Amino acid sequence: MSETQSEHMRILKMVEEGKLTPEEAAQLIEAARQHEHGGTAAKARPAAGLLTVRVTESGEPKVNLRVPISLAKVVLKLLPRRARANLEASGLTVAELGEMIDRAASAGPCKLVDIHEGGDGVEVVLE
């Protein structure tokens, strides 16, 4: 199985698990295709310029960051331990999220992660 096929399978599994909507998955798959072929889609979208990370604990906002995409990987390294644990408990590592951001940024604005359990949550959006 090629790297692209493997990535598509991970995205589809996330849809199956309810971590992504079909629309979000389609955006990520299209971004992966564009990245692989070095081209642009027939339907060009504006590139995402900001990464927004929101973390809540016990229903209270703990993190609300908006940074340029170019600094996205730095932000991911600064996620609180509990946010990382919530993310990884849902089956997504910080490294995988970084790869998704790289590929999805060129596809335009989209929600990459929206995980909420009880009063805790992690949301990552490209705007």
Protein backbone atom coordinates (compact mmCIF):
# COMPACT_ATOMS: atom_id res chain seq x y z
CA MET A 1 0.00 0.00 0.00
CA SER A 2 1.42 3.38 -0.99
CA GLU A 3 1.85 6.24 1.48
CA THR A 4 -1.05 8.09 -0.14
CA GLN A 5 -3.35 5.07 0.10
CA SER A 6 -2.34 4.60 3.72
CA GLU A 7 -3.13 8.24 4.46
CA HIS A 8 -6.51 7.94 2.74
CA MET A 9 -7.29 4.88 4.84
CA ARG A 10 -6.40 6.77 8.05
CA ILE A 11 -8.69 9.61 7.01
CA LEU A 12 -11.54 7.23 6.20
CA LYS A 13 -11.06 5.45 9.54
CA MET A 14 -11.37 8.81 11.28
CA VAL A 15 -14.70 9.34 9.49
CA GLU A 16 -15.82 5.88 10.57
CA GLU A 17 -14.88 6.71 14.17
CA GLY A 18 -16.74 10.04 14.00
CA LYS A 19 -13.59 12.16 14.33
CA LEU A 20 -14.09 13.79 10.92
CA THR A 21 -17.16 14.55 8.86
CA PRO A 22 -17.26 13.21 5.29
CA GLU A 23 -16.85 16.79 4.04
CA GLU A 24 -13.71 17.32 6.13
CA ALA A 25 -12.34 13.99 4.91
CA ALA A 26 -12.97 14.97 1.30
CA GLN A 27 -11.04 18.21 1.84
CA LEU A 28 -8.10 16.35 3.37
CA ILE A 29 -8.04 13.73 0.61
CA GLU A 30 -8.13 16.43 -2.04
CA ALA A 31 -5.30 18.27 -0.30
CA ALA A 32 -3.27 15.05 -0.25
CA ARG A 33 -3.88 14.55 -3.98
CA GLN A 34 -2.79 18.10 -4.74
CA HIS A 35 0.33 17.68 -2.63
CA GLU A 36 1.19 14.35 -4.28
CA HIS A 37 0.78 15.66 -7.81
CA GLY A 38 2.23 19.09 -7.11
CA GLY A 39 -0.75 20.65 -8.85
CA THR A 40 -3.89 22.49 -7.97
CA ALA A 41 -7.44 21.28 -7.96
CA ALA A 42 -9.83 22.34 -10.69
CA LYS A 43 -11.73 24.27 -8.04
CA ALA A 44 -9.07 26.51 -6.47
CA ARG A 45 -9.68 27.57 -2.89
CA PRO A 46 -7.86 30.23 -0.94
CA ALA A 47 -5.08 28.78 1.16
CA ALA A 48 -5.60 28.71 4.88
CA GLY A 49 -3.54 31.33 6.65
CA LEU A 50 -4.22 30.74 10.33
CA LEU A 51 -4.18 27.77 12.65
CA THR A 52 -6.64 28.03 15.53
CA VAL A 53 -6.29 25.69 18.52
CA ARG A 54 -8.95 25.67 21.24
CA VAL A 55 -8.66 23.49 24.35
CA THR A 56 -11.25 23.24 27.10
CA GLU A 57 -10.96 21.43 30.42
CA SER A 58 -14.01 20.87 32.60
CA GLY A 59 -15.93 23.19 30.29
CA GLU A 60 -13.52 26.09 30.84
CA PRO A 61 -11.39 27.51 28.02
CA LYS A 62 -7.71 26.80 28.68
CA VAL A 63 -6.12 27.48 25.29
CA ASN A 64 -7.34 29.71 22.47
CA LEU A 65 -4.49 30.31 20.02
CA ARG A 66 -4.55 31.79 16.53
CA VAL A 67 -1.22 31.71 14.75
CA PRO A 68 0.01 31.76 11.16
CA ILE A 69 0.19 28.33 9.53
CA SER A 70 3.94 28.77 9.27
CA LEU A 71 4.12 28.52 13.07
CA ALA A 72 1.66 25.63 13.36
CA LYS A 73 4.17 22.94 14.25
CA VAL A 74 5.61 25.11 17.02
CA VAL A 75 2.11 25.52 18.48
CA LEU A 76 1.55 21.77 18.40
CA LYS A 77 4.70 21.27 20.46
CA LEU A 78 3.27 23.66 23.07
CA LEU A 79 -0.04 21.83 23.60
CA PRO A 80 -0.66 21.09 27.27
CA ARG A 81 -0.11 17.47 28.32
CA ARG A 82 -3.79 16.91 28.97
CA ALA A 83 -4.67 18.19 25.49
CA ARG A 84 -2.08 15.83 23.99
CA ALA A 85 -3.50 12.96 26.02
CA ASN A 86 -7.06 13.72 24.83
CA LEU A 87 -5.83 13.91 21.26
CA GLU A 88 -3.90 10.64 21.50
CA ALA A 89 -6.77 8.90 23.30
CA SER A 90 -8.86 9.62 20.22
CA GLY A 91 -6.26 7.88 18.05
CA LEU A 92 -4.50 10.93 16.62
CA THR A 93 -0.92 11.83 17.51
CA VAL A 94 0.52 15.33 17.46
CA ALA A 95 2.84 14.23 14.62
CA GLU A 96 -0.10 13.00 12.54
CA LEU A 97 -1.92 16.27 13.17
CA GLY A 98 1.16 18.15 11.97
CA GLU A 99 1.17 16.13 8.75
CA MET A 100 -2.53 16.81 8.26
CA ILE A 101 -1.97 20.54 8.71
CA ASP A 102 0.82 20.54 6.13
CA ARG A 103 -1.36 18.81 3.56
CA ALA A 104 -4.63 20.56 4.33
CA ALA A 105 -3.32 24.14 4.47
CA SER A 106 -3.21 24.36 0.70
CA ALA A 107 -6.79 23.07 0.40
CA GLY A 108 -8.19 26.08 2.23
CA PRO A 109 -10.13 26.59 5.44
CA CYS A 110 -11.35 23.44 7.22
CA LYS A 111 -11.76 21.87 10.66
CA LEU A 112 -9.10 19.22 11.26
CA VAL A 113 -9.98 18.09 14.77
CA ASP A 114 -13.10 18.47 16.88
CA ILE A 115 -12.93 16.19 19.91
CA HIS A 116 -15.18 16.74 22.90
CA GLU A 117 -15.76 14.41 25.81
CA GLY A 118 -17.59 15.67 28.85
CA GLY A 119 -16.26 19.14 29.53
CA ASP A 120 -12.89 18.50 27.87
CA GLY A 121 -12.18 19.24 24.25
CA VAL A 122 -9.64 19.93 21.54
CA GLU A 123 -10.49 21.77 18.33
CA VAL A 124 -8.00 22.53 15.54
CA VAL A 125 -9.17 24.68 12.63
CA LEU A 126 -7.41 26.05 9.55
CA GLU A 127 -8.82 29.46 8.64
